[in-house]
Amino acid sequence: MKLLMKDMERKTTTMFSGNKLVLILPGILMVVMLIGGYQFLQGSEEVTNEQLQELVDSQVNIIEVESGLQVEVAWDLDYDAS
C-alpha cells in the first residue's frame, strides 16, 4: 500500500512539473478579466428606470392571428454616454 501511495505522489508531482504553464495562464487570464470588468463597470454611467422611460422611444404593434397574438416591438435608445 505504501508503495502504491509513493508511486501516486511521484506521478502527481511529475504531472504538474511539466504543465505549470497550463495552470498559470488561465489564472492570469481570470485575474485580468476580473480587473478589466471591474474597471469597465466603474467607468459606465448609471441610468435609473425613470430616466430610461424618457430616453427610450418604443413602438408596439399587436396583431391578432389564428393561434393567438403576434407582438412586434421596436425601440430606439436616444442616449449619449459622453
Protein backbone atom coordinates (compact mmCIF):
# COMPACT_ATOMS: atom_id res chain seq x y z
CA MET A 1 0.00 0.00 0.00
CA LYS A 2 2.84 2.39 0.87
CA LEU A 3 4.49 1.64 -2.45
CA LEU A 4 1.28 2.50 -4.29
CA MET A 5 0.95 5.81 -2.39
CA LYS A 6 4.56 6.79 -3.17
CA ASP A 7 4.02 5.95 -6.83
CA MET A 8 0.86 8.13 -6.92
CA GLU A 9 2.68 11.03 -5.24
CA ARG A 10 5.53 10.80 -7.74
CA LYS A 11 3.09 10.77 -10.69
CA THR A 12 1.27 13.80 -9.29
CA THR A 13 4.44 15.85 -8.87
CA THR A 14 5.75 14.92 -12.31
CA MET A 15 2.38 15.65 -13.90
CA PHE A 16 2.35 19.26 -12.67
CA SER A 17 6.05 19.92 -13.13
CA GLY A 18 5.86 19.94 -16.94
CA ASN A 19 2.46 21.63 -17.18
CA LYS A 20 2.87 24.67 -14.95
CA LEU A 21 2.08 26.97 -17.85
CA VAL A 22 -1.28 25.25 -18.37
CA LEU A 23 -2.20 26.07 -14.78
CA ILE A 24 -0.70 29.57 -14.59
CA LEU A 25 -2.05 31.10 -17.83
CA PRO A 26 -5.78 30.57 -17.07
CA GLY A 27 -5.19 32.02 -13.60
CA ILE A 28 -3.58 35.12 -15.10
CA LEU A 29 -6.42 35.40 -17.62
CA MET A 30 -9.05 35.24 -14.88
CA VAL A 31 -7.31 37.99 -12.89
CA VAL A 32 -7.01 40.23 -15.96
CA MET A 33 -10.68 39.69 -16.86
CA LEU A 34 -11.76 40.41 -13.28
CA ILE A 35 -9.78 43.67 -13.12
CA GLY A 36 -10.89 44.72 -16.63
CA GLY A 37 -14.56 44.02 -15.87
CA TYR A 38 -14.38 45.97 -12.63
CA GLN A 39 -12.78 48.94 -14.40
CA PHE A 40 -15.42 48.80 -17.16
CA LEU A 41 -18.28 48.79 -14.67
CA GLN A 42 -16.77 51.66 -12.69
CA GLY A 43 -16.50 53.77 -15.85
CA SER A 44 -20.09 53.31 -17.01
CA GLU A 45 -22.84 55.73 -16.03
CA GLU A 46 -26.00 54.77 -14.20
CA VAL A 47 -29.44 55.16 -15.75
CA THR A 48 -32.48 54.92 -13.48
CA ASN A 49 -35.82 53.48 -14.54
CA GLU A 50 -37.33 56.96 -14.69
CA GLN A 51 -34.55 58.21 -16.97
CA LEU A 52 -34.81 55.10 -19.11
CA GLN A 53 -38.53 55.68 -19.74
CA GLU A 54 -37.70 59.18 -21.00
CA LEU A 55 -34.80 58.01 -23.19
CA VAL A 56 -36.41 55.01 -24.90
CA ASP A 57 -38.77 55.53 -27.81
CA SER A 58 -40.76 52.32 -28.30
CA GLN A 59 -43.39 51.16 -30.75
CA VAL A 60 -45.54 48.09 -30.07
CA ASN A 61 -47.82 46.50 -32.67
CA ILE A 62 -50.18 43.72 -31.57
CA ILE A 63 -51.79 41.70 -34.34
CA GLU A 64 -54.41 39.03 -33.72
CA VAL A 65 -53.70 35.82 -35.64
CA GLU A 66 -55.47 32.43 -35.69
CA SER A 67 -53.28 30.88 -32.99
CA GLY A 68 -53.22 33.90 -30.66
CA LEU A 69 -51.47 37.25 -30.74
CA GLN A 70 -48.41 38.36 -32.67
CA VAL A 71 -46.44 41.13 -30.98
CA GLU A 72 -43.92 43.27 -32.87
CA VAL A 73 -41.78 45.60 -30.80
CA ALA A 74 -39.27 48.20 -31.98
CA TRP A 75 -37.34 50.54 -29.75
CA ASP A 76 -34.72 53.23 -30.10
CA LEU A 77 -32.46 54.46 -27.32
CA ASP A 78 -31.68 58.18 -27.53
CA TYR A 79 -28.79 58.26 -25.05
CA ASP A 80 -25.42 59.95 -25.39
CA ALA A 81 -22.95 58.39 -22.93
CA SER A 82 -20.33 61.11 -23.35
